[in-house]
Structure formats: C-alpha cells, structure tokens
C-alpha cells in the first residue's frame, strides 16, 4: 500500500507538470512538459541525492574526520538492520538533519553543525535514528524525487510567467493563465509534498524511537530543534524551499510564502505520540536501549572535530572535514 501511494503521488506530480505545460503552451507545451517530466524523473532517480547534498554544501565525513559521529551512525544502522549509509555534515547553525538516497544501499544521512553542537548525545542519537527509519521505510527516494520535481514545477511556472507564456496563442487562458500557473503550480506541488511528508514523519518517529530504544530522546530533540528552527535562519533552505519536507523539522523561517503549507505534523502531536510509544516500550517491546555513552558513541562528535557555531550568526568557516 505504501508503494502504491507513492506511485500515485509521483504520477500526480507528473500530471501537474504536464498541466503547467498545457496552461503555458497548449498541447505542444503539454507534450514538452511530459518529455521534461520523464527526463526529470529519470535524472532524479539516479542523481537527486547528490543534487540535494550539493545544495547544502554537505561535506562527507568518515572515521578519520568525525569518528564519534560516524561510529554512532554505524551502531544505529546495525540496530536497524541497515547497511552503513554515507555520512555528511552541513555547516549551518540551525539544528536539523535529513536523509536521502534511492534505496538503503545508496543512502546518506546529513546533520548540521548546529545539531551536533547544541543537542546532547542522546538527542542526536534519537534524531539520527529517525533519519535511518526513513531509509528503512524507503521514504528517501520519494522525498528526494519529490523535492526535485516540485522545484522543476516552480521553475517551469516562473518560466511561463516571465518569458512569454502568456503571449503564446496556444495558451488557453493567455496572460491570466500564465499568472495563475505561476502562483498555483508551486502551491499545488507543496500540497503534494505535504501529503507525502506528514504521515511519513509519524512513521519515522515511531520506528526511530524503537531503533534507539528511548523515544523520549527523540521527543526532547524535536522540542529543542523546533524552538531553534524559527529563531535561526537556514539560508540554504530559504533558497531551496522545495527541499523543506526532507528535514526532521521544517527549516523555513515562516517569513516567506513558501511556508504557507506546513510540510510536517505539529511538533506537539509528534512528541505526544513518542510519549505513548515510550509507555509501550516500557513493557519490554522494541530493540532495547541504545547506549549513547558506549564506545565511539560516547559523543556524537569528537572534541574539536566540529567548529563552534554561534546561533546568532552564520558561521562560514569550514571544519576539518572540508
């Protein structure tokens, strides 16, 4: 059922892409949009993960550059029964994280320096368990491809508005149609993003809490990240709002129209669900408790391996992994 829903949503985005093309250029525009949509889907399947990581200038780390953080991901991956993903760090003061990749064998997780510098080891473990849950549930392909196609729809709509779509005699609504497309198409794409993301966040919270064995670690992390996300601006996310649904907490400040539709459930509801899960796990179900203080996972980051970041400023310095 999960795969059927994903297929329907992606087919809907392709149809939306074609509708935008038809509004701009009639039947010819629709056919061009279909070709572009097919090419975008194919490109997104193979390259969307690298493209999203590049948008955020994510730097890959390993046992030599961030041994404790990488060790934590390795231990959590083993508990989840997953292959070891690639691990990235993003130089950004806003605490946040996401996962990407077309399947568990080609997955990656990324965390910001703000997350690693401000959260406790237990909270970081809860966050990364949530991201690994997205990988285990095979959400990452849909989330990443959706970001790519939604961005393409927005660009196509803007192209139609600013480069003469309204002057095309084949356009059924003329200039008004081009304006409507430019306004409504990005919003429609965001509605699809919302439909994909909101239910899957609850599922990833639940599985992530089971993986780490302590759902309240993740609940505490969500509370702290949500509080900081709207105080510390994520400039890269503001420039690429179509990727907002990939993060564990919406990274947009809310100052732009791009945040009109929330891509995530209410944080309070997610925390309440995690408290209910904690009660269930006390009966002995689940994976057992992950030790955030054991071995290399004593801290999610080695002392000195992540440069200090002041929350009120964007730190442009590169860490030793860069």
C-alpha atoms as a PDB file:
ATOM      1  CA  UNK A   1       0.000   0.000   0.000  1.00  0.00           C
ATOM      2  CA  UNK A   2       2.892   2.341   0.813  1.00  0.00           C
ATOM      3  CA  UNK A   3       4.407   1.831  -2.643  1.00  0.00           C
ATOM      4  CA  UNK A   4       1.000   2.321  -4.322  1.00  0.00           C
ATOM      5  CA  UNK A   5       0.505   5.622  -2.511  1.00  0.00           C
ATOM      6  CA  UNK A   6       3.986   6.727  -3.531  1.00  0.00           C
ATOM      7  CA  UNK A   7       3.338   5.825  -7.178  1.00  0.00           C
ATOM      8  CA  UNK A   8       0.037   7.720  -7.158  1.00  0.00           C
ATOM      9  CA  UNK A   9       1.619  10.825  -5.641  1.00  0.00           C
ATOM     10  CA  UNK A  10       4.516  10.850  -8.089  1.00  0.00           C
ATOM     11  CA  UNK A  11       2.138  10.275 -11.008  1.00  0.00           C
ATOM     12  CA  UNK A  12       0.100  13.200  -9.710  1.00  0.00           C
ATOM     13  CA  UNK A  13       3.165  15.446  -9.720  1.00  0.00           C
ATOM     14  CA  UNK A  14       3.950  14.404 -13.288  1.00  0.00           C
ATOM     15  CA  UNK A  15       0.364  15.211 -14.292  1.00  0.00           C
ATOM     16  CA  UNK A  16       0.700  18.571 -12.568  1.00  0.00           C
ATOM     17  CA  UNK A  17       3.882  19.209 -14.517  1.00  0.00           C
ATOM     18  CA  UNK A  18       2.029  18.459 -17.762  1.00  0.00           C
ATOM     19  CA  UNK A  19      -0.881  20.698 -16.731  1.00  0.00           C
ATOM     20  CA  UNK A  20       1.524  23.580 -16.198  1.00  0.00           C
ATOM     21  CA  UNK A  21       2.931  22.968 -19.683  1.00  0.00           C
ATOM     22  CA  UNK A  22      -0.563  22.914 -21.185  1.00  0.00           C
ATOM     23  CA  UNK A  23      -1.501  26.174 -19.472  1.00  0.00           C
ATOM     24  CA  UNK A  24       1.627  27.826 -20.829  1.00  0.00           C
ATOM     25  CA  UNK A  25       1.774  26.392 -24.348  1.00  0.00           C
ATOM     26  CA  UNK A  26      -1.333  24.342 -25.069  1.00  0.00           C
ATOM     27  CA  UNK A  27      -0.953  20.815 -26.466  1.00  0.00           C
ATOM     28  CA  UNK A  28       2.589  21.444 -27.611  1.00  0.00           C
ATOM     29  CA  UNK A  29       3.500  22.769 -24.188  1.00  0.00           C
ATOM     30  CA  UNK A  30       1.943  19.710 -22.550  1.00  0.00           C
ATOM     31  CA  UNK A  31       3.996  17.334 -24.714  1.00  0.00           C
ATOM     32  CA  UNK A  32       7.186  19.243 -23.984  1.00  0.00           C
ATOM     33  CA  UNK A  33       6.341  19.161 -20.270  1.00  0.00           C
ATOM     34  CA  UNK A  34       5.767  15.378 -20.476  1.00  0.00           C
ATOM     35  CA  UNK A  35       9.200  14.889 -22.021  1.00  0.00           C
ATOM     36  CA  UNK A  36      10.791  17.157 -19.425  1.00  0.00           C
ATOM     37  CA  UNK A  37       8.909  15.373 -16.613  1.00  0.00           C
ATOM     38  CA  UNK A  38      10.142  11.978 -17.822  1.00  0.00           C
ATOM     39  CA  UNK A  39      13.699  13.269 -18.025  1.00  0.00           C
ATOM     40  CA  UNK A  40      13.371  14.873 -14.593  1.00  0.00           C
ATOM     41  CA  UNK A  41      12.083  11.628 -13.065  1.00  0.00           C
ATOM     42  CA  UNK A  42      14.946   9.658 -14.594  1.00  0.00           C
ATOM     43  CA  UNK A  43      17.551  12.200 -13.515  1.00  0.00           C
ATOM     44  CA  UNK A  44      16.036  12.463 -10.038  1.00  0.00           C
ATOM     45  CA  UNK A  45      16.111   8.679  -9.533  1.00  0.00           C
ATOM     46  CA  UNK A  46      19.866   8.500 -10.096  1.00  0.00           C
ATOM     47  CA  UNK A  47      21.131  11.923  -9.030  1.00  0.00           C
ATOM     48  CA  UNK A  48      18.641  13.694  -6.741  1.00  0.00           C
ATOM     49  CA  UNK A  49      20.508  12.713  -3.566  1.00  0.00           C
ATOM     50  CA  UNK A  50      23.782  14.220  -4.778  1.00  0.00           C
ATOM     51  CA  UNK A  51      21.959  17.299  -6.015  1.00  0.00           C
ATOM     52  CA  UNK A  52      20.282  17.932  -2.648  1.00  0.00           C
ATOM     53  CA  UNK A  53      23.523  17.388  -0.735  1.00  0.00           C
ATOM     54  CA  UNK A  54      25.230  19.825  -3.095  1.00  0.00           C
ATOM     55  CA  UNK A  55      22.515  22.444  -2.457  1.00  0.00           C
ATOM     56  CA  UNK A  56      23.533  22.457   1.197  1.00  0.00           C
ATOM     57  CA  UNK A  57      27.282  22.142   0.582  1.00  0.00           C
ATOM     58  CA  UNK A  58      27.256  18.960   2.681  1.00  0.00           C
ATOM     59  CA  UNK A  59      30.712  17.554   3.377  1.00  0.00           C
ATOM     60  CA  UNK A  60      31.188  13.808   3.717  1.00  0.00           C
ATOM     61  CA  UNK A  61      32.880  12.656   6.934  1.00  0.00           C
ATOM     62  CA  UNK A  62      34.402   9.343   7.952  1.00  0.00           C
ATOM     63  CA  UNK A  63      36.152   7.623  10.846  1.00  0.00           C
ATOM     64  CA  UNK A  64      39.176   9.855  10.425  1.00  0.00           C
ATOM     65  CA  UNK A  65      37.362  13.201  10.365  1.00  0.00           C
ATOM     66  CA  UNK A  66      34.385  12.636  12.691  1.00  0.00           C
ATOM     67  CA  UNK A  67      34.950   9.255  14.376  1.00  0.00           C
ATOM     68  CA  UNK A  68      32.353   9.534  17.136  1.00  0.00           C
ATOM     69  CA  UNK A  69      29.519  10.771  14.950  1.00  0.00           C
ATOM     70  CA  UNK A  70      30.262   8.169  12.259  1.00  0.00           C
ATOM     71  CA  UNK A  71      30.566   5.499  14.956  1.00  0.00           C
ATOM     72  CA  UNK A  72      27.146   6.444  16.289  1.00  0.00           C
ATOM     73  CA  UNK A  73      25.593   6.113  12.814  1.00  0.00           C
ATOM     74  CA  UNK A  74      27.285   2.736  12.348  1.00  0.00           C
ATOM     75  CA  UNK A  75      25.943   1.396  15.651  1.00  0.00           C
ATOM     76  CA  UNK A  76      22.419   2.697  14.973  1.00  0.00           C
ATOM     77  CA  UNK A  77      22.491   1.242  11.438  1.00  0.00           C
ATOM     78  CA  UNK A  78      23.370  -2.173  12.846  1.00  0.00           C
ATOM     79  CA  UNK A  79      20.486  -1.958  15.312  1.00  0.00           C
ATOM     80  CA  UNK A  80      18.161  -1.030  12.437  1.00  0.00           C
ATOM     81  CA  UNK A  81      19.448  -3.834  10.207  1.00  0.00           C
ATOM     82  CA  UNK A  82      20.641  -1.377   7.556  1.00  0.00           C
ATOM     83  CA  UNK A  83      23.828  -1.047   5.500  1.00  0.00           C
ATOM     84  CA  UNK A  84      26.089   1.774   6.656  1.00  0.00           C
ATOM     85  CA  UNK A  85      24.976   4.975   4.884  1.00  0.00           C
ATOM     86  CA  UNK A  86      27.273   7.781   3.781  1.00  0.00           C
ATOM     87  CA  UNK A  87      27.538  10.412   6.494  1.00  0.00           C
ATOM     88  CA  UNK A  88      27.601  14.167   5.859  1.00  0.00           C
ATOM     89  CA  UNK A  89      27.913  17.307   7.955  1.00  0.00           C
ATOM     90  CA  UNK A  90      26.419  20.647   6.884  1.00  0.00           C
ATOM     91  CA  UNK A  91      27.988  23.878   8.086  1.00  0.00           C
ATOM     92  CA  UNK A  92      24.844  25.588   9.351  1.00  0.00           C
ATOM     93  CA  UNK A  93      23.953  26.958  12.808  1.00  0.00           C
ATOM     94  CA  UNK A  94      20.321  25.791  12.631  1.00  0.00           C
ATOM     95  CA  UNK A  95      19.953  22.353  14.286  1.00  0.00           C
ATOM     96  CA  UNK A  96      18.447  19.982  11.715  1.00  0.00           C
ATOM     97  CA  UNK A  97      19.059  16.774   9.756  1.00  0.00           C
ATOM     98  CA  UNK A  98      17.787  14.774   6.788  1.00  0.00           C
ATOM     99  CA  UNK A  99      18.288  11.504   4.924  1.00  0.00           C
ATOM    100  CA  UNK A 100      18.440  10.939   1.188  1.00  0.00           C
ATOM    101  CA  UNK A 101      19.152   8.222  -1.387  1.00  0.00           C
ATOM    102  CA  UNK A 102      17.235   5.989  -3.763  1.00  0.00           C
ATOM    103  CA  UNK A 103      17.470   2.856  -1.561  1.00  0.00           C
ATOM    104  CA  UNK A 104      19.130   1.632   1.668  1.00  0.00           C
ATOM    105  CA  UNK A 105      22.201   0.520  -0.281  1.00  0.00           C
ATOM    106  CA  UNK A 106      22.733   4.031  -1.684  1.00  0.00           C
ATOM    107  CA  UNK A 107      21.609   6.169   1.249  1.00  0.00           C
ATOM    108  CA  UNK A 108      23.117   9.127   3.057  1.00  0.00           C
ATOM    109  CA  UNK A 109      22.368  10.979   6.286  1.00  0.00           C
ATOM    110  CA  UNK A 110      23.279  14.599   6.934  1.00  0.00           C
ATOM    111  CA  UNK A 111      23.307  16.667  10.121  1.00  0.00           C
ATOM    112  CA  UNK A 112      24.055  20.343  10.617  1.00  0.00           C
ATOM    113  CA  UNK A 113      26.818  21.626  12.861  1.00  0.00           C
ATOM    114  CA  UNK A 114      24.063  23.368  14.803  1.00  0.00           C
ATOM    115  CA  UNK A 115      22.538  19.980  15.630  1.00  0.00           C
ATOM    116  CA  UNK A 116      25.869  18.459  16.679  1.00  0.00           C
ATOM    117  CA  UNK A 117      26.894  21.453  18.767  1.00  0.00           C
ATOM    118  CA  UNK A 118      23.653  22.099  20.661  1.00  0.00           C
ATOM    119  CA  UNK A 119      21.991  18.725  21.274  1.00  0.00           C
ATOM    120  CA  UNK A 120      23.064  16.082  23.775  1.00  0.00           C
ATOM    121  CA  UNK A 121      24.490  12.753  22.526  1.00  0.00           C
ATOM    122  CA  UNK A 122      21.204  11.060  23.399  1.00  0.00           C
ATOM    123  CA  UNK A 123      19.177  13.620  21.456  1.00  0.00           C
ATOM    124  CA  UNK A 124      21.477  13.347  18.433  1.00  0.00           C
ATOM    125  CA  UNK A 125      21.076   9.548  18.567  1.00  0.00           C
ATOM    126  CA  UNK A 126      17.291   9.974  18.555  1.00  0.00           C
ATOM    127  CA  UNK A 127      17.420  12.314  15.555  1.00  0.00           C
ATOM    128  CA  UNK A 128      19.707  10.070  13.534  1.00  0.00           C
ATOM    129  CA  UNK A 129      17.582   7.015  14.387  1.00  0.00           C
ATOM    130  CA  UNK A 130      14.624   8.910  12.906  1.00  0.00           C
ATOM    131  CA  UNK A 131      16.595   9.538   9.699  1.00  0.00           C
ATOM    132  CA  UNK A 132      17.614   5.884   9.492  1.00  0.00           C
ATOM    133  CA  UNK A 133      13.940   4.984   9.898  1.00  0.00           C
ATOM    134  CA  UNK A 134      13.199   7.000   6.748  1.00  0.00           C
ATOM    135  CA  UNK A 135      15.827   4.916   4.966  1.00  0.00           C
ATOM    136  CA  UNK A 136      14.442   1.644   6.310  1.00  0.00           C
ATOM    137  CA  UNK A 137      10.915   2.645   5.279  1.00  0.00           C
ATOM    138  CA  UNK A 138      12.260   3.567   1.832  1.00  0.00           C
ATOM    139  CA  UNK A 139      10.887   7.085   2.167  1.00  0.00           C
ATOM    140  CA  UNK A 140      14.070   8.758   0.981  1.00  0.00           C
ATOM    141  CA  UNK A 141      13.572   8.129  -2.750  1.00  0.00           C
ATOM    142  CA  UNK A 142      10.082   9.625  -2.739  1.00  0.00           C
ATOM    143  CA  UNK A 143      11.100  12.573  -0.565  1.00  0.00           C
ATOM    144  CA  UNK A 144      14.150  13.427  -2.661  1.00  0.00           C
ATOM    145  CA  UNK A 145      12.496  12.919  -6.052  1.00  0.00           C
ATOM    146  CA  UNK A 146       9.504  14.977  -4.917  1.00  0.00           C
ATOM    147  CA  UNK A 147      11.831  17.838  -3.970  1.00  0.00           C
ATOM    148  CA  UNK A 148      13.402  17.709  -7.432  1.00  0.00           C
ATOM    149  CA  UNK A 149      10.098  17.637  -9.339  1.00  0.00           C
ATOM    150  CA  UNK A 150       8.481  20.297  -7.147  1.00  0.00           C
ATOM    151  CA  UNK A 151      11.424  22.582  -7.825  1.00  0.00           C
ATOM    152  CA  UNK A 152      11.119  21.888 -11.550  1.00  0.00           C
ATOM    153  CA  UNK A 153       7.393  22.752 -11.492  1.00  0.00           C
ATOM    154  CA  UNK A 154       8.140  26.066  -9.817  1.00  0.00           C
ATOM    155  CA  UNK A 155      10.834  26.872 -12.377  1.00  0.00           C
ATOM    156  CA  UNK A 156       8.523  25.950 -15.281  1.00  0.00           C
ATOM    157  CA  UNK A 157       5.758  28.155 -13.896  1.00  0.00           C
ATOM    158  CA  UNK A 158       8.131  31.080 -13.481  1.00  0.00           C
ATOM    159  CA  UNK A 159       9.448  30.497 -16.987  1.00  0.00           C
ATOM    160  CA  UNK A 160       5.907  30.717 -18.369  1.00  0.00           C
ATOM    161  CA  UNK A 161       5.234  33.949 -16.483  1.00  0.00           C
ATOM    162  CA  UNK A 162       8.423  35.825 -17.287  1.00  0.00           C
ATOM    163  CA  UNK A 163       9.339  34.528 -20.730  1.00  0.00           C
ATOM    164  CA  UNK A 164       6.182  34.986 -22.722  1.00  0.00           C
ATOM    165  CA  UNK A 165       3.940  32.047 -21.872  1.00  0.00           C
ATOM    166  CA  UNK A 166       1.021  34.472 -21.734  1.00  0.00           C
ATOM    167  CA  UNK A 167       1.719  35.715 -25.279  1.00  0.00           C
ATOM    168  CA  UNK A 168       1.507  32.217 -26.718  1.00  0.00           C
ATOM    169  CA  UNK A 169      -1.716  31.898 -28.748  1.00  0.00           C
ATOM    170  CA  UNK A 170      -1.823  28.193 -27.819  1.00  0.00           C
ATOM    171  CA  UNK A 171      -2.215  29.028 -24.146  1.00  0.00           C
ATOM    172  CA  UNK A 172      -5.921  28.590 -23.308  1.00  0.00           C
ATOM    173  CA  UNK A 173      -6.062  31.414 -20.757  1.00  0.00           C
ATOM    174  CA  UNK A 174      -3.479  33.754 -22.205  1.00  0.00           C
ATOM    175  CA  UNK A 175      -1.683  36.069 -19.808  1.00  0.00           C
ATOM    176  CA  UNK A 176      -4.109  35.313 -16.964  1.00  0.00           C
ATOM    177  CA  UNK A 177      -3.368  31.617 -17.350  1.00  0.00           C
ATOM    178  CA  UNK A 178       0.377  32.195 -17.090  1.00  0.00           C
ATOM    179  CA  UNK A 179      -0.104  34.225 -13.915  1.00  0.00           C
ATOM    180  CA  UNK A 180      -2.384  31.571 -12.401  1.00  0.00           C
ATOM    181  CA  UNK A 181       0.120  28.855 -13.230  1.00  0.00           C
ATOM    182  CA  UNK A 182       2.991  30.811 -11.701  1.00  0.00           C
ATOM    183  CA  UNK A 183       1.006  31.244  -8.481  1.00  0.00           C
ATOM    184  CA  UNK A 184      -0.929  27.984  -8.189  1.00  0.00           C
ATOM    185  CA  UNK A 185       1.536  25.400  -9.535  1.00  0.00           C
ATOM    186  CA  UNK A 186       4.149  25.838  -6.765  1.00  0.00           C
ATOM    187  CA  UNK A 187       1.384  25.777  -4.150  1.00  0.00           C
ATOM    188  CA  UNK A 188      -0.077  22.592  -5.636  1.00  0.00           C
ATOM    189  CA  UNK A 189       3.367  20.997  -5.599  1.00  0.00           C
ATOM    190  CA  UNK A 190       3.694  21.950  -1.938  1.00  0.00           C
ATOM    191  CA  UNK A 191       0.357  20.275  -1.179  1.00  0.00           C
ATOM    192  CA  UNK A 192       1.723  17.045  -2.687  1.00  0.00           C
ATOM    193  CA  UNK A 193       4.897  17.435  -0.614  1.00  0.00           C
ATOM    194  CA  UNK A 194       2.755  17.875   2.475  1.00  0.00           C
ATOM    195  CA  UNK A 195       0.732  14.742   1.707  1.00  0.00           C
ATOM    196  CA  UNK A 196       3.918  12.726   1.293  1.00  0.00           C
ATOM    197  CA  UNK A 197       5.714  14.054   4.318  1.00  0.00           C
ATOM    198  CA  UNK A 198       3.241  14.405   7.167  1.00  0.00           C
ATOM    199  CA  UNK A 199       2.203  10.743   7.524  1.00  0.00           C
ATOM    200  CA  UNK A 200       5.738   9.516   6.995  1.00  0.00           C
ATOM    201  CA  UNK A 201       7.116  11.699   9.767  1.00  0.00           C
ATOM    202  CA  UNK A 202       4.912   9.912  12.309  1.00  0.00           C
ATOM    203  CA  UNK A 203       6.041   6.532  10.971  1.00  0.00           C
ATOM    204  CA  UNK A 204       9.717   7.525  11.089  1.00  0.00           C
ATOM    205  CA  UNK A 205       9.314   8.903  14.624  1.00  0.00           C
ATOM    206  CA  UNK A 206       7.844   5.611  15.782  1.00  0.00           C
ATOM    207  CA  UNK A 207      10.440   3.386  14.128  1.00  0.00           C
ATOM    208  CA  UNK A 208      13.262   5.743  15.124  1.00  0.00           C
ATOM    209  CA  UNK A 209      12.123   5.589  18.751  1.00  0.00           C
ATOM    210  CA  UNK A 210      12.146   1.794  18.546  1.00  0.00           C
ATOM    211  CA  UNK A 211      15.608   1.733  16.975  1.00  0.00           C
ATOM    212  CA  UNK A 212      17.159   3.931  19.655  1.00  0.00           C
ATOM    213  CA  UNK A 213      15.076   2.295  22.381  1.00  0.00           C
ATOM    214  CA  UNK A 214      14.326   5.610  24.084  1.00  0.00           C
ATOM    215  CA  UNK A 215      11.593   7.562  22.259  1.00  0.00           C
ATOM    216  CA  UNK A 216      11.879  10.424  24.741  1.00  0.00           C
ATOM    217  CA  UNK A 217      15.394  11.192  23.429  1.00  0.00           C
ATOM    218  CA  UNK A 218      13.819  11.960  20.067  1.00  0.00           C
ATOM    219  CA  UNK A 219      10.928  13.820  21.728  1.00  0.00           C
ATOM    220  CA  UNK A 220      13.388  16.061  23.561  1.00  0.00           C
ATOM    221  CA  UNK A 221      15.345  16.653  20.354  1.00  0.00           C
ATOM    222  CA  UNK A 222      12.204  17.598  18.402  1.00  0.00           C
ATOM    223  CA  UNK A 223      11.254  20.118  21.069  1.00  0.00           C
ATOM    224  CA  UNK A 224      14.693  21.746  21.010  1.00  0.00           C
ATOM    225  CA  UNK A 225      15.025  21.748  17.209  1.00  0.00           C
ATOM    226  CA  UNK A 226      11.540  23.223  16.733  1.00  0.00           C
ATOM    227  CA  UNK A 227      12.360  26.000  19.175  1.00  0.00           C
ATOM    228  CA  UNK A 228      15.589  26.882  17.379  1.00  0.00           C
ATOM    229  CA  UNK A 229      14.442  26.422  13.765  1.00  0.00           C
ATOM    230  CA  UNK A 230      12.349  29.596  13.720  1.00  0.00           C
ATOM    231  CA  UNK A 231      14.981  31.645  15.532  1.00  0.00           C
ATOM    232  CA  UNK A 232      17.997  30.660  13.421  1.00  0.00           C
ATOM    233  CA  UNK A 233      17.532  31.165   9.694  1.00  0.00           C
ATOM    234  CA  UNK A 234      18.640  28.421   7.329  1.00  0.00           C
ATOM    235  CA  UNK A 235      19.679  30.462   4.287  1.00  0.00           C
ATOM    236  CA  UNK A 236      20.169  27.453   2.010  1.00  0.00           C
ATOM    237  CA  UNK A 237      16.692  26.119   2.834  1.00  0.00           C
ATOM    238  CA  UNK A 238      15.133  29.524   2.175  1.00  0.00           C
ATOM    239  CA  UNK A 239      16.721  29.468  -1.286  1.00  0.00           C
ATOM    240  CA  UNK A 240      15.529  25.886  -1.895  1.00  0.00           C
ATOM    241  CA  UNK A 241      12.096  25.657  -0.187  1.00  0.00           C
ATOM    242  CA  UNK A 242      11.121  22.581  -2.227  1.00  0.00           C
ATOM    243  CA  UNK A 243      13.524  20.562  -0.032  1.00  0.00           C
ATOM    244  CA  UNK A 244      11.950  21.631   3.285  1.00  0.00           C
ATOM    245  CA  UNK A 245       9.953  18.403   3.681  1.00  0.00           C
ATOM    246  CA  UNK A 246      13.170  16.360   3.815  1.00  0.00           C
ATOM    247  CA  UNK A 247      14.301  17.763   7.170  1.00  0.00           C
ATOM    248  CA  UNK A 248      13.244  16.358  10.532  1.00  0.00           C
ATOM    249  CA  UNK A 249      11.775  19.795  11.389  1.00  0.00           C
ATOM    250  CA  UNK A 250      10.641  22.368   8.802  1.00  0.00           C
ATOM    251  CA  UNK A 251      13.756  24.553   8.298  1.00  0.00           C
ATOM    252  CA  UNK A 252      11.903  27.559   6.838  1.00  0.00           C
ATOM    253  CA  UNK A 253      11.541  30.652   8.985  1.00  0.00           C
ATOM    254  CA  UNK A 254       7.916  31.278   8.010  1.00  0.00           C
ATOM    255  CA  UNK A 255       8.741  34.753   6.711  1.00  0.00           C
ATOM    256  CA  UNK A 256       8.189  33.644   3.094  1.00  0.00           C
ATOM    257  CA  UNK A 257       5.083  32.460   1.287  1.00  0.00           C
ATOM    258  CA  UNK A 258       6.952  29.162   0.763  1.00  0.00           C
ATOM    259  CA  UNK A 259       5.970  28.279   4.336  1.00  0.00           C
ATOM    260  CA  UNK A 260       2.237  28.757   3.701  1.00  0.00           C
ATOM    261  CA  UNK A 261       1.668  24.998   3.864  1.00  0.00           C
ATOM    262  CA  UNK A 262       3.410  23.061   6.629  1.00  0.00           C
ATOM    263  CA  UNK A 263       5.298  20.013   5.386  1.00  0.00           C
ATOM    264  CA  UNK A 264       5.424  18.468   8.873  1.00  0.00           C
ATOM    265  CA  UNK A 265       2.867  17.488  11.509  1.00  0.00           C
ATOM    266  CA  UNK A 266       2.632  19.698  14.579  1.00  0.00           C
ATOM    267  CA  UNK A 267       5.667  19.076  16.779  1.00  0.00           C
ATOM    268  CA  UNK A 268       3.415  18.817  19.844  1.00  0.00           C
ATOM    269  CA  UNK A 269       1.499  15.932  18.239  1.00  0.00           C
ATOM    270  CA  UNK A 270       4.719  14.142  17.323  1.00  0.00           C
ATOM    271  CA  UNK A 271       6.026  14.487  20.871  1.00  0.00           C
ATOM    272  CA  UNK A 272       2.735  13.171  22.293  1.00  0.00           C
ATOM    273  CA  UNK A 273       2.951  10.126  20.003  1.00  0.00           C
ATOM    274  CA  UNK A 274       6.518   9.468  21.179  1.00  0.00           C
ATOM    275  CA  UNK A 275       5.393   9.598  24.809  1.00  0.00           C
ATOM    276  CA  UNK A 276       2.777   6.974  24.011  1.00  0.00           C
ATOM    277  CA  UNK A 277       5.440   4.844  22.331  1.00  0.00           C
ATOM    278  CA  UNK A 278       7.672   5.192  25.387  1.00  0.00           C
ATOM    279  CA  UNK A 279       4.888   3.745  27.514  1.00  0.00           C
ATOM    280  CA  UNK A 280       4.575   0.791  25.135  1.00  0.00           C
ATOM    281  CA  UNK A 281       8.311   0.103  25.154  1.00  0.00           C
ATOM    282  CA  UNK A 282       8.421   0.003  28.934  1.00  0.00           C
ATOM    283  CA  UNK A 283       6.640  -3.358  28.665  1.00  0.00           C
ATOM    284  CA  UNK A 284       9.768  -4.783  27.060  1.00  0.00           C
ATOM    285  CA  UNK A 285       8.923  -4.478  23.355  1.00  0.00           C
ATOM    286  CA  UNK A 286      11.295  -2.953  20.832  1.00  0.00           C
ATOM    287  CA  UNK A 287      15.044  -3.048  20.243  1.00  0.00           C
ATOM    288  CA  UNK A 288      16.313  -2.294  23.746  1.00  0.00           C
ATOM    289  CA  UNK A 289      18.054   0.942  24.675  1.00  0.00           C
ATOM    290  CA  UNK A 290      20.876   2.296  22.535  1.00  0.00           C
ATOM    291  CA  UNK A 291      23.867   3.328  24.636  1.00  0.00           C
ATOM    292  CA  UNK A 292      24.813   6.861  23.618  1.00  0.00           C
ATOM    293  CA  UNK A 293      27.724   6.658  26.040  1.00  0.00           C
ATOM    294  CA  UNK A 294      29.234   3.385  24.820  1.00  0.00           C
ATOM    295  CA  UNK A 295      32.419   3.139  22.780  1.00  0.00           C
ATOM    296  CA  UNK A 296      32.713   5.585  19.919  1.00  0.00           C
ATOM    297  CA  UNK A 297      29.176   6.774  20.524  1.00  0.00           C
ATOM    298  CA  UNK A 298      30.172   8.458  23.801  1.00  0.00           C
ATOM    299  CA  UNK A 299      29.526  11.722  21.985  1.00  0.00           C
ATOM    300  CA  UNK A 300      28.087  12.367  18.531  1.00  0.00           C
ATOM    301  CA  UNK A 301      31.150  14.460  17.751  1.00  0.00           C
ATOM    302  CA  UNK A 302      34.792  14.349  18.747  1.00  0.00           C
ATOM    303  CA  UNK A 303      36.023  17.326  20.747  1.00  0.00           C
ATOM    304  CA  UNK A 304      37.322  19.865  18.280  1.00  0.00           C
ATOM    305  CA  UNK A 305      36.026  17.993  15.239  1.00  0.00           C
ATOM    306  CA  UNK A 306      33.026  20.295  14.792  1.00  0.00           C
ATOM    307  CA  UNK A 307      33.770  24.036  14.757  1.00  0.00           C
ATOM    308  CA  UNK A 308      31.830  26.131  17.285  1.00  0.00           C
ATOM    309  CA  UNK A 309      28.865  27.933  15.754  1.00  0.00           C
ATOM    310  CA  UNK A 310      27.200  30.980  17.267  1.00  0.00           C
ATOM    311  CA  UNK A 311      23.408  30.691  16.906  1.00  0.00           C
ATOM    312  CA  UNK A 312      23.014  34.360  16.055  1.00  0.00           C
ATOM    313  CA  UNK A 313      25.471  34.293  13.158  1.00  0.00           C
ATOM    314  CA  UNK A 314      26.033  32.182  10.094  1.00  0.00           C
ATOM    315  CA  UNK A 315      29.450  30.629  10.518  1.00  0.00           C
ATOM    316  CA  UNK A 316      31.152  30.351   7.131  1.00  0.00           C
ATOM    317  CA  UNK A 317      34.215  28.545   8.436  1.00  0.00           C
ATOM    318  CA  UNK A 318      34.836  25.051   7.197  1.00  0.00           C
ATOM    319  CA  UNK A 319      35.535  22.218   9.585  1.00  0.00           C
ATOM    320  CA  UNK A 320      38.443  19.801   9.262  1.00  0.00           C
ATOM    321  CA  UNK A 321      36.251  17.550   7.084  1.00  0.00           C
ATOM    322  CA  UNK A 322      36.034  20.268   4.376  1.00  0.00           C
END
